[in-house]
């Protein structure tokens, strides 16, 4: 009677390592903060009484020469209302912040506010720097 030796293959169990990797991935996704930018640098005017608005999720920039930027892309005034309405529909509890250059024409800022109100947005603020 011959005795056979059964060879066992030794393997590293990868399941615990994959569990840890997925848990770390979920942790980083949940704790990450996403910074929204308008797409252009604006030189905001100074104000003594400026307050921080943490609910602003729609950022609109108005450059010194009157260009309007939303989410890093230039937007024509005629299309601004639909862009704001789409962003507002994604987060109805959010607010809009206008980052206007201190040299931006006032009529462009008023036009942006008008388009936002027509899109249904009520919480609108203008971003300022504190001295």
Foldseek 3Di string as FASTA:
>chain_A
DDDDDDDDDDDDDCVVVVVVVVVVVVVCVVPDDDDFDQQDDAAFAADAPDDDDPQAPWEWEAHLAGFITTRNHTDDLVCLLVVLLVVCVVPVVGAYEYEYHPNHDPVSVVSNVVSNVVSVGDHYYYDHHHD
